[in-house]
Amino acid sequence: MATMPEAAGATLVALCPAAEIAEGTARGFDPEDDGQDSLFAVRVGGVLSLWRNACPHEAAPMAWRRDGYLNAEGTRIVCHAHGAEFLPETGLCVAGPCLGARLTAACFVINERGELCARLDKD
């Protein structure tokens, strides 16, 4: 993944062309090459969102398989560990053990080439 300088203390990382995230789909990303997706993007209702790949219940990874973050209808984000359901627009948990909690949103931009770029803070 290509990196671009950003404001002091952060880097923008190009994840993929934003158009590759089709309506009702999700895709995971490993922008720091750690061997596990730390972010995932979803597009529902025409809105593209980027989330940290950690359930607020126990910080477990969300997907049940590669890019498997959404329910069968493609309308809610679902945690594979305990079945918690989240609204993709807000990250609010509406069912499951972390009811009322929220996913952690990740900062992103769509650059001039149409790429989804995540902002990664330096340690």
C-alpha atoms as a PDB file:
ATOM      1  CA  MET A   1       0.000   0.000   0.000  1.00  0.00           C
ATOM      2  CA  ALA A   2       1.301   3.427  -0.888  1.00  0.00           C
ATOM      3  CA  THR A   3       1.985   5.929   1.861  1.00  0.00           C
ATOM      4  CA  MET A   4       1.863   9.688   1.565  1.00  0.00           C
ATOM      5  CA  PRO A   5       3.141  12.306   4.008  1.00  0.00           C
ATOM      6  CA  GLU A   6       0.409  14.014   5.986  1.00  0.00           C
ATOM      7  CA  ALA A   7       0.340  16.362   8.946  1.00  0.00           C
ATOM      8  CA  ALA A   8       2.992  15.895  11.613  1.00  0.00           C
ATOM      9  CA  GLY A   9       2.398  12.683  13.522  1.00  0.00           C
ATOM     10  CA  ALA A  10       0.241  11.001  10.869  1.00  0.00           C
ATOM     11  CA  THR A  11       0.533   9.316   7.485  1.00  0.00           C
ATOM     12  CA  LEU A  12      -2.072   8.717   4.778  1.00  0.00           C
ATOM     13  CA  VAL A  13      -2.079   5.169   3.415  1.00  0.00           C
ATOM     14  CA  ALA A  14      -3.855   4.379   0.142  1.00  0.00           C
ATOM     15  CA  LEU A  15      -5.989   1.276   0.724  1.00  0.00           C
ATOM     16  CA  CYS A  16      -7.794   0.741  -2.605  1.00  0.00           C
ATOM     17  CA  PRO A  17      -9.833   2.590  -5.210  1.00  0.00           C
ATOM     18  CA  ALA A  18     -12.954   3.717  -3.327  1.00  0.00           C
ATOM     19  CA  ALA A  19     -15.139   2.468  -6.200  1.00  0.00           C
ATOM     20  CA  GLU A  20     -14.038  -1.111  -5.407  1.00  0.00           C
ATOM     21  CA  ILE A  21     -16.185  -1.036  -2.256  1.00  0.00           C
ATOM     22  CA  ALA A  22     -19.558  -1.739  -3.858  1.00  0.00           C
ATOM     23  CA  GLU A  23     -22.923  -1.044  -2.247  1.00  0.00           C
ATOM     24  CA  GLY A  24     -23.726  -3.594   0.484  1.00  0.00           C
ATOM     25  CA  THR A  25     -20.148  -4.886   0.713  1.00  0.00           C
ATOM     26  CA  ALA A  26     -17.188  -4.634   3.062  1.00  0.00           C
ATOM     27  CA  ARG A  27     -13.451  -5.078   2.770  1.00  0.00           C
ATOM     28  CA  GLY A  28     -10.720  -5.470   5.364  1.00  0.00           C
ATOM     29  CA  PHE A  29      -7.280  -3.861   5.242  1.00  0.00           C
ATOM     30  CA  ASP A  30      -3.902  -4.422   6.876  1.00  0.00           C
ATOM     31  CA  PRO A  31      -2.299  -1.005   6.253  1.00  0.00           C
ATOM     32  CA  GLU A  32       0.611  -1.602   8.619  1.00  0.00           C
ATOM     33  CA  ASP A  33       1.406  -5.102   7.264  1.00  0.00           C
ATOM     34  CA  ASP A  34       0.850  -6.749  10.661  1.00  0.00           C
ATOM     35  CA  GLY A  35      -0.672  -9.900   9.156  1.00  0.00           C
ATOM     36  CA  GLN A  36      -4.230  -9.092  10.321  1.00  0.00           C
ATOM     37  CA  ASP A  37      -6.755  -6.558   9.078  1.00  0.00           C
ATOM     38  CA  SER A  38      -6.863  -3.620  11.487  1.00  0.00           C
ATOM     39  CA  LEU A  39      -9.394  -1.600   9.458  1.00  0.00           C
ATOM     40  CA  PHE A  40     -12.457  -2.362   7.376  1.00  0.00           C
ATOM     41  CA  ALA A  41     -14.546  -0.293   4.994  1.00  0.00           C
ATOM     42  CA  VAL A  42     -18.257  -0.699   4.301  1.00  0.00           C
ATOM     43  CA  ARG A  43     -20.609   0.960   1.833  1.00  0.00           C
ATOM     44  CA  VAL A  44     -24.268   0.927   2.820  1.00  0.00           C
ATOM     45  CA  GLY A  45     -26.931   3.361   1.638  1.00  0.00           C
ATOM     46  CA  GLY A  46     -24.356   4.957  -0.629  1.00  0.00           C
ATOM     47  CA  VAL A  47     -22.211   5.975   2.362  1.00  0.00           C
ATOM     48  CA  LEU A  48     -18.621   4.769   2.649  1.00  0.00           C
ATOM     49  CA  SER A  49     -17.332   4.289   6.221  1.00  0.00           C
ATOM     50  CA  LEU A  50     -14.019   3.099   7.640  1.00  0.00           C
ATOM     51  CA  TRP A  51     -13.849   1.372  11.036  1.00  0.00           C
ATOM     52  CA  ARG A  52     -11.228  -0.123  13.345  1.00  0.00           C
ATOM     53  CA  ASN A  53     -11.472  -3.921  13.242  1.00  0.00           C
ATOM     54  CA  ALA A  54     -12.233  -4.379  16.939  1.00  0.00           C
ATOM     55  CA  CYS A  55     -15.560  -5.118  18.612  1.00  0.00           C
ATOM     56  CA  PRO A  56     -16.175  -2.804  21.595  1.00  0.00           C
ATOM     57  CA  HIS A  57     -17.302  -5.844  23.606  1.00  0.00           C
ATOM     58  CA  GLU A  58     -13.923  -7.582  23.841  1.00  0.00           C
ATOM     59  CA  ALA A  59     -11.788  -5.928  21.140  1.00  0.00           C
ATOM     60  CA  ALA A  60     -12.144  -9.107  19.049  1.00  0.00           C
ATOM     61  CA  PRO A  61     -11.682  -8.933  15.259  1.00  0.00           C
ATOM     62  CA  MET A  62     -15.072  -8.494  13.588  1.00  0.00           C
ATOM     63  CA  ALA A  63     -15.023 -10.662  10.439  1.00  0.00           C
ATOM     64  CA  TRP A  64     -16.127 -14.301  10.363  1.00  0.00           C
ATOM     65  CA  ARG A  65     -14.187 -14.821   7.093  1.00  0.00           C
ATOM     66  CA  ARG A  66     -12.093 -12.657   4.777  1.00  0.00           C
ATOM     67  CA  ASP A  67     -14.077  -9.426   4.263  1.00  0.00           C
ATOM     68  CA  GLY A  68     -17.062 -10.982   6.105  1.00  0.00           C
ATOM     69  CA  TYR A  69     -18.137  -7.966   8.161  1.00  0.00           C
ATOM     70  CA  LEU A  70     -21.785  -7.590   7.076  1.00  0.00           C
ATOM     71  CA  ASN A  71     -24.941  -9.625   7.616  1.00  0.00           C
ATOM     72  CA  ALA A  72     -26.410 -11.591   4.702  1.00  0.00           C
ATOM     73  CA  GLU A  73     -28.572  -8.620   3.675  1.00  0.00           C
ATOM     74  CA  GLY A  74     -25.568  -6.282   3.636  1.00  0.00           C
ATOM     75  CA  THR A  75     -27.345  -3.868   5.972  1.00  0.00           C
ATOM     76  CA  ARG A  76     -25.548  -4.262   9.327  1.00  0.00           C
ATOM     77  CA  ILE A  77     -22.023  -4.886  10.542  1.00  0.00           C
ATOM     78  CA  VAL A  78     -21.865  -8.095  12.595  1.00  0.00           C
ATOM     79  CA  CYS A  79     -19.188  -9.267  15.022  1.00  0.00           C
ATOM     80  CA  HIS A  80     -18.454 -12.944  14.495  1.00  0.00           C
ATOM     81  CA  ALA A  81     -17.457 -13.534  18.137  1.00  0.00           C
ATOM     82  CA  HIS A  82     -20.770 -12.751  19.861  1.00  0.00           C
ATOM     83  CA  GLY A  83     -23.171 -11.740  17.096  1.00  0.00           C
ATOM     84  CA  ALA A  84     -23.311  -8.052  18.023  1.00  0.00           C
ATOM     85  CA  GLU A  85     -24.944  -5.961  15.281  1.00  0.00           C
ATOM     86  CA  PHE A  86     -23.891  -2.410  14.411  1.00  0.00           C
ATOM     87  CA  LEU A  87     -25.402   0.271  12.204  1.00  0.00           C
ATOM     88  CA  PRO A  88     -22.909   0.866   9.384  1.00  0.00           C
ATOM     89  CA  GLU A  89     -23.640   4.604   9.239  1.00  0.00           C
ATOM     90  CA  THR A  90     -22.804   5.309  12.903  1.00  0.00           C
ATOM     91  CA  GLY A  91     -21.139   2.183  14.322  1.00  0.00           C
ATOM     92  CA  LEU A  92     -23.793   2.033  17.055  1.00  0.00           C
ATOM     93  CA  CYS A  93     -24.439  -1.438  18.485  1.00  0.00           C
ATOM     94  CA  VAL A  94     -28.174  -2.178  18.222  1.00  0.00           C
ATOM     95  CA  ALA A  95     -28.132  -5.847  19.259  1.00  0.00           C
ATOM     96  CA  GLY A  96     -25.828  -8.054  21.280  1.00  0.00           C
ATOM     97  CA  PRO A  97     -23.667  -7.897  24.390  1.00  0.00           C
ATOM     98  CA  CYS A  98     -22.326  -4.372  23.756  1.00  0.00           C
ATOM     99  CA  LEU A  99     -25.714  -2.719  23.123  1.00  0.00           C
ATOM    100  CA  GLY A 100     -25.307   1.055  22.954  1.00  0.00           C
ATOM    101  CA  ALA A 101     -21.521   0.928  22.451  1.00  0.00           C
ATOM    102  CA  ARG A 102     -19.936   2.088  19.194  1.00  0.00           C
ATOM    103  CA  LEU A 103     -17.284   0.909  16.803  1.00  0.00           C
ATOM    104  CA  THR A 104     -14.254   3.184  16.516  1.00  0.00           C
ATOM    105  CA  ALA A 105     -14.290   5.182  13.309  1.00  0.00           C
ATOM    106  CA  ALA A 106     -11.043   5.551  11.375  1.00  0.00           C
ATOM    107  CA  CYS A 107     -10.144   8.836   9.657  1.00  0.00           C
ATOM    108  CA  PHE A 108     -10.054   8.656   5.870  1.00  0.00           C
ATOM    109  CA  VAL A 109     -10.114  10.716   2.715  1.00  0.00           C
ATOM    110  CA  ILE A 110     -10.755   9.979  -0.934  1.00  0.00           C
ATOM    111  CA  ASN A 111      -7.755  11.399  -2.778  1.00  0.00           C
ATOM    112  CA  GLU A 112      -7.664  13.016  -6.224  1.00  0.00           C
ATOM    113  CA  ARG A 113      -7.151   9.579  -7.833  1.00  0.00           C
ATOM    114  CA  GLY A 114     -10.317   8.232  -6.171  1.00  0.00           C
ATOM    115  CA  GLU A 115      -8.391   6.087  -3.676  1.00  0.00           C
ATOM    116  CA  LEU A 116      -9.651   5.391  -0.160  1.00  0.00           C
ATOM    117  CA  CYS A 117      -6.817   6.580   2.112  1.00  0.00           C
ATOM    118  CA  ALA A 118      -6.624   5.936   5.854  1.00  0.00           C
ATOM    119  CA  ARG A 119      -4.919   8.297   8.254  1.00  0.00           C
ATOM    120  CA  LEU A 120      -2.535   6.371  10.469  1.00  0.00           C
ATOM    121  CA  ASP A 121      -1.186   8.076  13.565  1.00  0.00           C
ATOM    122  CA  LYS A 122       2.465   7.493  14.367  1.00  0.00           C
ATOM    123  CA  ASP A 123       3.302   6.003  17.735  1.00  0.00           C
END
